């Protein structure tokens, strides 16, 4: 892991910059911090991210899959034909189940002016 040195540099009245010095002699500036405290916080976060991104860092655990109960495994899975034959239901704010209304207006047929 490389050791990067960080330094907060004031930029007059317009804010602060963070200057990073890499071991190979390259310098990089990260501009745009409103306060010295904000620049220091960015440095701490950058150090954490570099430290935690090491090659031997274990991956975050995946979300556990809920266990299937015995009753759920016995019930047949719903088919596409069964769900298509049932009208769509939506619970309103009052909690009642009612079919959804179509929000598409029927098209108007144009009639030519006779005259």
C-alpha atoms as a PDB file:
ATOM      1  CA  UNK A   1       0.000   0.000   0.000  1.00  0.00           C
ATOM      2  CA  UNK A   2       1.309   3.422  -0.903  1.00  0.00           C
ATOM      3  CA  UNK A   3       1.641   6.164   1.673  1.00  0.00           C
ATOM      4  CA  UNK A   4       0.024   9.310   0.383  1.00  0.00           C
ATOM      5  CA  UNK A   5       0.485  12.471   2.411  1.00  0.00           C
ATOM      6  CA  UNK A   6      -2.405  14.924   2.585  1.00  0.00           C
ATOM      7  CA  UNK A   7      -2.282  18.634   3.336  1.00  0.00           C
ATOM      8  CA  UNK A   8      -5.067  21.228   3.641  1.00  0.00           C
ATOM      9  CA  UNK A   9      -4.186  24.375   1.707  1.00  0.00           C
ATOM     10  CA  UNK A  10      -6.143  27.623   2.267  1.00  0.00           C
ATOM     11  CA  UNK A  11      -7.286  29.319  -0.935  1.00  0.00           C
ATOM     12  CA  UNK A  12      -7.761  32.878   0.275  1.00  0.00           C
ATOM     13  CA  UNK A  13     -11.338  33.755   1.186  1.00  0.00           C
ATOM     14  CA  UNK A  14     -12.852  31.308  -1.302  1.00  0.00           C
ATOM     15  CA  UNK A  15     -12.253  28.049   0.576  1.00  0.00           C
ATOM     16  CA  UNK A  16      -9.716  25.252   0.930  1.00  0.00           C
ATOM     17  CA  UNK A  17      -8.013  22.667  -1.242  1.00  0.00           C
ATOM     18  CA  UNK A  18      -6.506  19.295  -0.338  1.00  0.00           C
ATOM     19  CA  UNK A  19      -3.064  18.607  -1.749  1.00  0.00           C
ATOM     20  CA  UNK A  20      -2.027  14.979  -2.089  1.00  0.00           C
ATOM     21  CA  UNK A  21       1.677  14.091  -2.371  1.00  0.00           C
ATOM     22  CA  UNK A  22       2.296  10.594  -3.711  1.00  0.00           C
ATOM     23  CA  UNK A  23       5.549   8.710  -2.980  1.00  0.00           C
ATOM     24  CA  UNK A  24       6.644   8.867  -6.636  1.00  0.00           C
ATOM     25  CA  UNK A  25       6.731  12.687  -6.454  1.00  0.00           C
ATOM     26  CA  UNK A  26       3.424  13.425  -8.159  1.00  0.00           C
ATOM     27  CA  UNK A  27       1.125  15.998  -6.604  1.00  0.00           C
ATOM     28  CA  UNK A  28      -2.598  16.246  -7.066  1.00  0.00           C
ATOM     29  CA  UNK A  29      -4.972  18.924  -5.802  1.00  0.00           C
ATOM     30  CA  UNK A  30      -8.601  18.361  -4.884  1.00  0.00           C
ATOM     31  CA  UNK A  31     -10.358  21.738  -4.913  1.00  0.00           C
ATOM     32  CA  UNK A  32     -13.646  23.038  -3.585  1.00  0.00           C
ATOM     33  CA  UNK A  33     -13.944  22.633   0.178  1.00  0.00           C
ATOM     34  CA  UNK A  34     -15.851  25.368   2.039  1.00  0.00           C
ATOM     35  CA  UNK A  35     -14.097  24.902   5.371  1.00  0.00           C
ATOM     36  CA  UNK A  36     -10.959  23.373   6.820  1.00  0.00           C
ATOM     37  CA  UNK A  37     -13.123  20.945   8.779  1.00  0.00           C
ATOM     38  CA  UNK A  38     -14.788  19.707   5.558  1.00  0.00           C
ATOM     39  CA  UNK A  39     -11.358  19.190   3.943  1.00  0.00           C
ATOM     40  CA  UNK A  40     -10.111  17.263   6.994  1.00  0.00           C
ATOM     41  CA  UNK A  41     -13.210  15.063   6.941  1.00  0.00           C
ATOM     42  CA  UNK A  42     -12.598  14.294   3.259  1.00  0.00           C
ATOM     43  CA  UNK A  43      -9.008  13.260   4.054  1.00  0.00           C
ATOM     44  CA  UNK A  44     -10.177  10.875   6.794  1.00  0.00           C
ATOM     45  CA  UNK A  45     -12.759   9.333   4.458  1.00  0.00           C
ATOM     46  CA  UNK A  46     -10.232   8.983   1.612  1.00  0.00           C
ATOM     47  CA  UNK A  47      -7.772   7.195   3.937  1.00  0.00           C
ATOM     48  CA  UNK A  48     -10.505   4.801   5.083  1.00  0.00           C
ATOM     49  CA  UNK A  49     -11.541   3.999   1.526  1.00  0.00           C
ATOM     50  CA  UNK A  50      -7.955   3.338   0.438  1.00  0.00           C
ATOM     51  CA  UNK A  51      -7.303   1.174   3.498  1.00  0.00           C
ATOM     52  CA  UNK A  52     -10.521  -0.810   3.062  1.00  0.00           C
ATOM     53  CA  UNK A  53      -9.994  -1.365  -0.669  1.00  0.00           C
ATOM     54  CA  UNK A  54      -6.992  -3.627  -0.096  1.00  0.00           C
ATOM     55  CA  UNK A  55      -6.612  -6.781  -2.195  1.00  0.00           C
ATOM     56  CA  UNK A  56      -7.467  -9.070   0.738  1.00  0.00           C
ATOM     57  CA  UNK A  57     -10.569  -7.245   1.888  1.00  0.00           C
ATOM     58  CA  UNK A  58     -13.492  -9.709   2.097  1.00  0.00           C
ATOM     59  CA  UNK A  59     -16.604  -8.844   0.143  1.00  0.00           C
ATOM     60  CA  UNK A  60     -19.682  -7.651   1.972  1.00  0.00           C
ATOM     61  CA  UNK A  61     -22.079 -10.488   2.824  1.00  0.00           C
ATOM     62  CA  UNK A  62     -25.051 -10.903   0.540  1.00  0.00           C
ATOM     63  CA  UNK A  63     -28.613 -10.453   1.684  1.00  0.00           C
ATOM     64  CA  UNK A  64     -29.848 -13.747   3.176  1.00  0.00           C
ATOM     65  CA  UNK A  65     -32.590 -15.550   1.279  1.00  0.00           C
ATOM     66  CA  UNK A  66     -35.649 -16.287   3.439  1.00  0.00           C
ATOM     67  CA  UNK A  67     -36.199 -19.964   4.164  1.00  0.00           C
ATOM     68  CA  UNK A  68     -39.091 -21.631   2.335  1.00  0.00           C
ATOM     69  CA  UNK A  69     -41.707 -23.053   4.695  1.00  0.00           C
ATOM     70  CA  UNK A  70     -43.169 -26.516   4.195  1.00  0.00           C
ATOM     71  CA  UNK A  71     -46.645 -25.090   3.458  1.00  0.00           C
ATOM     72  CA  UNK A  72     -45.342 -22.703   0.815  1.00  0.00           C
ATOM     73  CA  UNK A  73     -43.426 -25.465  -0.934  1.00  0.00           C
ATOM     74  CA  UNK A  74     -46.594 -27.626  -1.243  1.00  0.00           C
ATOM     75  CA  UNK A  75     -48.719 -24.912  -2.867  1.00  0.00           C
ATOM     76  CA  UNK A  76     -48.535 -24.756  -6.671  1.00  0.00           C
ATOM     77  CA  UNK A  77     -47.020 -21.658  -8.191  1.00  0.00           C
ATOM     78  CA  UNK A  78     -49.505 -19.295  -9.888  1.00  0.00           C
ATOM     79  CA  UNK A  79     -49.448 -19.456 -13.657  1.00  0.00           C
ATOM     80  CA  UNK A  80     -49.500 -16.545 -16.079  1.00  0.00           C
ATOM     81  CA  UNK A  81     -52.913 -17.612 -17.436  1.00  0.00           C
ATOM     82  CA  UNK A  82     -54.465 -17.602 -13.969  1.00  0.00           C
ATOM     83  CA  UNK A  83     -53.178 -14.159 -13.137  1.00  0.00           C
ATOM     84  CA  UNK A  84     -54.249 -12.757 -16.535  1.00  0.00           C
ATOM     85  CA  UNK A  85     -57.849 -13.930 -16.074  1.00  0.00           C
ATOM     86  CA  UNK A  86     -58.233 -12.073 -12.775  1.00  0.00           C
ATOM     87  CA  UNK A  87     -58.886  -8.325 -12.936  1.00  0.00           C
ATOM     88  CA  UNK A  88     -56.210  -6.051 -11.558  1.00  0.00           C
ATOM     89  CA  UNK A  89     -56.911  -5.001  -7.998  1.00  0.00           C
ATOM     90  CA  UNK A  90     -55.628  -1.957  -6.188  1.00  0.00           C
ATOM     91  CA  UNK A  91     -56.097  -0.918  -2.627  1.00  0.00           C
ATOM     92  CA  UNK A  92     -57.056   2.710  -2.331  1.00  0.00           C
ATOM     93  CA  UNK A  93     -56.257   4.991   0.558  1.00  0.00           C
ATOM     94  CA  UNK A  94     -59.398   3.747   2.250  1.00  0.00           C
ATOM     95  CA  UNK A  95     -58.113   0.159   2.066  1.00  0.00           C
ATOM     96  CA  UNK A  96     -60.921  -1.093  -0.195  1.00  0.00           C
ATOM     97  CA  UNK A  97     -60.179  -3.437  -3.054  1.00  0.00           C
ATOM     98  CA  UNK A  98     -61.536  -2.221  -6.350  1.00  0.00           C
ATOM     99  CA  UNK A  99     -60.544  -2.825  -9.963  1.00  0.00           C
ATOM    100  CA  UNK A 100     -58.247  -0.299 -11.574  1.00  0.00           C
ATOM    101  CA  UNK A 101     -59.810   2.054 -14.077  1.00  0.00           C
ATOM    102  CA  UNK A 102     -58.213   2.507 -17.417  1.00  0.00           C
ATOM    103  CA  UNK A 103     -56.499   5.872 -17.744  1.00  0.00           C
ATOM    104  CA  UNK A 104     -56.494   5.787 -21.533  1.00  0.00           C
ATOM    105  CA  UNK A 105     -59.129   7.908 -23.206  1.00  0.00           C
ATOM    106  CA  UNK A 106     -60.844   6.491 -26.270  1.00  0.00           C
ATOM    107  CA  UNK A 107     -59.676   8.154 -29.450  1.00  0.00           C
ATOM    108  CA  UNK A 108     -62.054  10.491 -31.231  1.00  0.00           C
ATOM    109  CA  UNK A 109     -62.863   9.642 -34.775  1.00  0.00           C
ATOM    110  CA  UNK A 110     -62.445  12.538 -37.126  1.00  0.00           C
ATOM    111  CA  UNK A 111     -65.265  13.264 -39.469  1.00  0.00           C
ATOM    112  CA  UNK A 112     -64.709  15.247 -42.582  1.00  0.00           C
ATOM    113  CA  UNK A 113     -66.665  18.450 -42.933  1.00  0.00           C
ATOM    114  CA  UNK A 114     -69.408  18.100 -45.489  1.00  0.00           C
ATOM    115  CA  UNK A 115     -70.395  21.014 -47.500  1.00  0.00           C
END
